[in-house]
Amino acid sequence: MGFAATVQAAGHRIGADHPPFVVAEMSGNHNGDLDRALAIVDAIAASGAQALKIQTYTADTLTLDVDRPEFRVTDDHGLWGGRTLHQLYEEAHTPWEWHEPIFARAREQGLVAFSTPFDPTAIELLEECGVALYKTASAEIVDLPLIREIARTGKPVLMSTGMATLAEIDAAVNAAADGGCTELVLLACTASYPADPDDARLGNIAVLHEAFGVPVGLSDHTLGIGAAVAAVAKGAVCIEKHVTLGRDDGGVDSAFSLEPAELALLRRETETAWRASRSGTAFGPTESEQAVLRLRRSLYVVEDVRAGDPVTARNVRSVRPAGGLPPAALETVLGRRFTRDAERGTPLSWELL
């Protein structure tokens, strides 16, 4: 389909040859307070993450204000059970007039700022804000007209694939291509909140890459950073996590969001996982192991001896460091005699015997 192997966005490169692109999702964790939203932006920048993402919708563009069972979250949902969709989205949405100050603060801090649009009017707003890329949500992967409209902007697209079958993903990828998208990152995802690590299906990362030939990342809703670090080791080039100032502050997404210190740890450890996963396969000492190589055990004289003394287990032992005969030679040298005096701490050599 002609997608690029490496995606470029606002000076950043997203692909296998570059450190993981860490996206911090604010979502509804601003709790209806613009000052808190700006403080989250500052915390994200301080963490070392590369990008801030928000969501662009209103309750009325996303659903209907209808109180029927199909418009309610099921009662057994741990976070949002029993609420109508309209109520939930009304609380969680980011007011459109906040977009410009949030994006301006993010850019001042060196962050890539972008959003997930949920309808064409949201795309229009985000184009006015000059976003560098777009994200599509898991539930919208079946909205092929919306995907085509996003693709027509010519911007890179990150596409979450939670819940989707391979056939649905294929249709969405083709829709993006039809719209003119040439830079696409698929995101493996489990669209439950929070997600159970047992449902992470990190093996999908390699499958998606092989099937569609595009970079693949992870949109992660598990608690903590373990799944994200593991995903990078399996080839994920991008990690998205929800972020809040403090889980105890409450909010629609706070229970499964990272706090700033955890986001900073995620940023460091995913890069560590990326570097380690690229280290290849080889045996024998690395350059950095040379200093430790000299600490290997070898045979040393461990008490003063005189010429003619026999070699015994008492006067010769395997100790650190290297420099003497290898430990495996001990059975060969036992019973031989020293040819000259040797003091304690002398490495055993054939010349001494």
Foldseek 3Di string as FASTA:
>chain_A
DQADQWADFPHDIFHLVDFAQEEAEAFQQCQPPLVQLLVQLVLLLVLVHAAYEYADDALVRQDDPDPDPVQAADQPAPQGHPHGSSVQRNRGHDDLVSVLVSCVSNVVSNHQYEYEYDDPVRVVSRVVSVHQEYEHDQVCLQVLVVLLSRLLVQHEYEYENAPHDPVSNVSSVVSSVVSPHRYYEYAYEHPGAQDDPVPSPLVVQVVVCVVPVYAYAHEHQHAAQVVRLVSLLVRHRYYYFYEHCALVVDTSRSVRGHHSVRSSVNSVSSSVSSVVSPPDDDDDDDPVCPVVLQFAWAKFQAAKDAFFDFDDCVGIDTGDGDDAHHRVCNVVRGGPTFHGIDHGPGHHDPNRD
